Amino acid sequence: MGRGRAKAKQTKVARELKYNSPSMDLDRLKRDLGVSGSTTQETGEDEDQYADDDYDDYSAYLDDDEEDEEDRRSSR
């Protein structure tokens, strides 16, 4: 194998040493990791707002399938 796993371990250890101290600098960690300014909570609210819209297109197929099954049962 390559050195990818070893390098990842070194990076992890370096971050632990750098940021896991009594005076942890979370803003600096965000900058190093390239995290955007939005928080996870804000993103979660947006996802909940549009969650139903993602499946609206498929609800028509579900209704059609149920009707087809009822037709098959009644024709027997």
N, C-alpha and C. Protein backbone atom coordinates (compact mmCIF):
# COMPACT_ATOMS: atom_id res chain seq x y z
N MET A 1 0.83 -1.19 0.00
CA MET A 1 0.00 0.00 0.00
C MET A 1 0.88 1.25 0.00
N GLY A 2 0.27 2.34 -0.36
CA GLY A 2 0.98 3.62 -0.39
C GLY A 2 1.10 4.21 0.99
N ARG A 3 1.48 5.44 1.02
CA ARG A 3 1.66 6.06 2.32
C ARG A 3 0.45 6.89 2.71
N GLY A 4 -0.67 6.73 2.04
CA GLY A 4 -1.87 7.50 2.33
C GLY A 4 -2.39 7.31 3.73
N ARG A 5 -2.41 6.06 4.19
CA ARG A 5 -2.92 5.78 5.53
C ARG A 5 -2.00 6.37 6.59
N ALA A 6 -0.69 6.25 6.39
CA ALA A 6 0.27 6.79 7.36
C ALA A 6 0.19 8.32 7.39
N LYS A 7 0.03 8.92 6.23
CA LYS A 7 -0.07 10.39 6.17
C LYS A 7 -1.35 10.86 6.85
N ALA A 8 -2.44 10.15 6.65
CA ALA A 8 -3.70 10.51 7.30
C ALA A 8 -3.57 10.43 8.81
N LYS A 9 -2.90 9.40 9.29
CA LYS A 9 -2.68 9.25 10.73
C LYS A 9 -1.83 10.40 11.26
N GLN A 10 -0.78 10.77 10.54
CA GLN A 10 0.06 11.88 10.96
C GLN A 10 -0.73 13.19 11.00
N THR A 11 -1.57 13.39 10.02
CA THR A 11 -2.40 14.60 9.99
C THR A 11 -3.35 14.63 11.17
N LYS A 12 -3.94 13.48 11.48
CA LYS A 12 -4.87 13.39 12.60
C LYS A 12 -4.15 13.71 13.91
N VAL A 13 -2.99 13.12 14.10
CA VAL A 13 -2.23 13.35 15.33
C VAL A 13 -1.81 14.82 15.42
N ALA A 14 -1.38 15.39 14.31
CA ALA A 14 -0.96 16.79 14.31
C ALA A 14 -2.12 17.71 14.68
N ARG A 15 -3.31 17.42 14.15
CA ARG A 15 -4.48 18.24 14.50
C ARG A 15 -4.83 18.09 15.97
N GLU A 16 -4.76 16.87 16.49
CA GLU A 16 -5.04 16.67 17.91
C GLU A 16 -4.09 17.48 18.78
N LEU A 17 -2.81 17.45 18.43
CA LEU A 17 -1.83 18.20 19.21
C LEU A 17 -2.05 19.71 19.07
N LYS A 18 -2.44 20.14 17.90
CA LYS A 18 -2.59 21.57 17.64
C LYS A 18 -3.85 22.14 18.27
N TYR A 19 -4.96 21.40 18.22
CA TYR A 19 -6.24 21.96 18.61
C TYR A 19 -6.80 21.43 19.92
N ASN A 20 -6.37 20.30 20.40
CA ASN A 20 -6.91 19.75 21.64
C ASN A 20 -6.08 20.21 22.83
N SER A 21 -6.20 21.45 23.12
CA SER A 21 -5.54 22.03 24.27
C SER A 21 -6.60 22.79 25.06
N PRO A 22 -6.29 23.19 26.29
CA PRO A 22 -7.29 23.93 27.07
C PRO A 22 -7.78 25.20 26.37
N SER A 23 -6.95 25.79 25.55
CA SER A 23 -7.37 26.99 24.82
C SER A 23 -7.56 26.64 23.34
N MET A 24 -8.53 25.80 23.06
CA MET A 24 -8.78 25.33 21.70
C MET A 24 -9.30 26.47 20.83
N ASP A 25 -8.74 26.63 19.65
CA ASP A 25 -9.13 27.69 18.73
C ASP A 25 -10.00 27.09 17.62
N LEU A 26 -11.31 27.10 17.84
CA LEU A 26 -12.23 26.47 16.89
C LEU A 26 -12.33 27.25 15.58
N ASP A 27 -12.20 28.56 15.64
CA ASP A 27 -12.24 29.35 14.41
C ASP A 27 -11.06 29.00 13.50
N ARG A 28 -9.90 28.82 14.10
CA ARG A 28 -8.72 28.46 13.32
C ARG A 28 -8.88 27.05 12.72
N LEU A 29 -9.47 26.15 13.49
CA LEU A 29 -9.72 24.80 12.98
C LEU A 29 -10.66 24.85 11.78
N LYS A 30 -11.72 25.66 11.86
CA LYS A 30 -12.64 25.80 10.74
C LYS A 30 -11.92 26.30 9.49
N ARG A 31 -11.05 27.29 9.68
CA ARG A 31 -10.30 27.82 8.53
C ARG A 31 -9.39 26.76 7.93
N ASP A 32 -8.71 26.00 8.78
CA ASP A 32 -7.81 24.96 8.28
C ASP A 32 -8.56 23.86 7.53
N LEU A 33 -9.75 23.54 7.99
CA LEU A 33 -10.53 22.48 7.36
C LEU A 33 -11.33 22.98 6.17
N GLY A 34 -11.43 24.30 6.02
CA GLY A 34 -12.16 24.86 4.90
C GLY A 34 -13.65 24.81 5.07
N VAL A 35 -14.12 24.89 6.30
CA VAL A 35 -15.55 24.85 6.58
C VAL A 35 -16.15 26.22 6.31
N SER A 36 -17.33 26.24 5.69
CA SER A 36 -17.99 27.51 5.40
C SER A 36 -18.56 28.12 6.67
N GLY A 37 -19.02 29.34 6.60
CA GLY A 37 -19.51 30.07 7.76
C GLY A 37 -20.84 29.59 8.28
N SER A 38 -21.65 28.87 7.50
CA SER A 38 -22.96 28.43 7.96
C SER A 38 -22.81 27.30 8.97
N THR A 39 -23.73 27.26 9.91
CA THR A 39 -23.69 26.23 10.94
C THR A 39 -24.53 25.04 10.52
N THR A 40 -24.35 23.95 11.21
CA THR A 40 -25.09 22.73 10.90
C THR A 40 -26.58 22.90 11.18
N GLN A 41 -26.91 23.65 12.22
CA GLN A 41 -28.31 23.84 12.57
C GLN A 41 -29.05 24.58 11.46
N GLU A 42 -28.43 25.61 10.89
CA GLU A 42 -29.07 26.34 9.81
C GLU A 42 -29.31 25.43 8.61
N THR A 43 -28.36 24.59 8.30
CA THR A 43 -28.49 23.67 7.17
C THR A 43 -29.62 22.68 7.43
N GLY A 44 -29.74 22.20 8.65
CA GLY A 44 -30.78 21.25 9.00
C GLY A 44 -32.16 21.83 8.80
N GLU A 45 -32.34 23.10 9.14
CA GLU A 45 -33.63 23.74 8.96
C GLU A 45 -33.98 23.83 7.48
N ASP A 46 -33.02 24.15 6.64
CA ASP A 46 -33.27 24.22 5.21
C ASP A 46 -33.67 22.86 4.65
N GLU A 47 -33.01 21.82 5.11
CA GLU A 47 -33.33 20.48 4.62
C GLU A 47 -34.74 20.09 5.00
N ASP A 48 -35.18 20.42 6.24
CA ASP A 48 -36.52 20.08 6.66
C ASP A 48 -37.56 20.84 5.85
N GLN A 49 -37.25 22.07 5.48
CA GLN A 49 -38.18 22.90 4.74
C GLN A 49 -38.51 22.29 3.38
N TYR A 50 -37.52 21.68 2.73
CA TYR A 50 -37.71 21.16 1.38
C TYR A 50 -37.80 19.64 1.33
N ALA A 51 -37.84 18.98 2.44
CA ALA A 51 -37.80 17.52 2.47
C ALA A 51 -38.99 16.91 1.73
N ASP A 52 -40.19 17.46 1.92
CA ASP A 52 -41.37 16.90 1.27
C ASP A 52 -41.37 17.14 -0.23
N ASP A 53 -40.80 18.26 -0.66
CA ASP A 53 -40.78 18.59 -2.08
C ASP A 53 -40.01 17.56 -2.90
N ASP A 54 -39.01 16.95 -2.31
CA ASP A 54 -38.21 15.97 -3.03
C ASP A 54 -39.02 14.75 -3.44
N TYR A 55 -40.05 14.42 -2.69
CA TYR A 55 -40.80 13.19 -2.93
C TYR A 55 -42.17 13.44 -3.54
N ASP A 56 -42.54 14.68 -3.74
CA ASP A 56 -43.85 14.97 -4.32
C ASP A 56 -44.01 14.37 -5.71
N ASP A 57 -42.96 14.40 -6.50
CA ASP A 57 -43.04 13.86 -7.86
C ASP A 57 -43.33 12.36 -7.86
N TYR A 58 -42.89 11.68 -6.84
CA TYR A 58 -43.04 10.22 -6.80
C TYR A 58 -44.36 9.78 -6.17
N SER A 59 -45.05 10.68 -5.51
CA SER A 59 -46.29 10.29 -4.85
C SER A 59 -47.35 9.86 -5.87
N ALA A 60 -47.34 10.43 -7.04
CA ALA A 60 -48.31 10.03 -8.07
C ALA A 60 -48.08 8.58 -8.48
N TYR A 61 -46.84 8.16 -8.57
CA TYR A 61 -46.54 6.78 -8.93
C TYR A 61 -47.02 5.82 -7.86
N LEU A 62 -46.90 6.21 -6.61
CA LEU A 62 -47.33 5.36 -5.52
C LEU A 62 -48.83 5.15 -5.58
N ASP A 63 -49.59 6.21 -5.82
CA ASP A 63 -51.03 6.10 -5.91
C ASP A 63 -51.44 5.21 -7.08
N ASP A 64 -50.77 5.35 -8.21
CA ASP A 64 -51.09 4.53 -9.38
C ASP A 64 -50.83 3.05 -9.10
N ASP A 65 -49.75 2.76 -8.42
CA ASP A 65 -49.42 1.37 -8.11
C ASP A 65 -50.47 0.74 -7.22
N GLU A 66 -50.96 1.48 -6.24
CA GLU A 66 -51.98 0.94 -5.35
C GLU A 66 -53.27 0.67 -6.10
N GLU A 67 -53.64 1.56 -7.02
CA GLU A 67 -54.85 1.35 -7.80
C GLU A 67 -54.72 0.13 -8.70
N ASP A 68 -53.54 -0.07 -9.28
CA ASP A 68 -53.32 -1.23 -10.14
C ASP A 68 -53.47 -2.53 -9.36
N GLU A 69 -52.96 -2.55 -8.13
CA GLU A 69 -53.07 -3.75 -7.31
C GLU A 69 -54.53 -4.03 -6.98
N GLU A 70 -55.31 -2.99 -6.69
CA GLU A 70 -56.73 -3.18 -6.39
C GLU A 70 -57.47 -3.72 -7.61
N ASP A 71 -57.13 -3.22 -8.80
CA ASP A 71 -57.76 -3.70 -10.02
C ASP A 71 -57.45 -5.17 -10.25
N ARG A 72 -56.23 -5.57 -10.00
CA ARG A 72 -55.84 -6.97 -10.19
C ARG A 72 -56.59 -7.88 -9.22
N ARG A 73 -56.74 -7.43 -7.99
CA ARG A 73 -57.43 -8.24 -6.98
C ARG A 73 -58.91 -8.40 -7.33
N SER A 74 -59.53 -7.33 -7.79
CA SER A 74 -60.96 -7.40 -8.09
C SER A 74 -61.25 -8.21 -9.36
N SER A 75 -60.29 -8.32 -10.25
CA SER A 75 -60.51 -9.06 -11.49
C SER A 75 -60.35 -10.56 -11.30
N ARG A 76 -59.86 -10.98 -10.18
CA ARG A 76 -59.66 -12.43 -9.94
C ARG A 76 -60.92 -13.14 -9.59
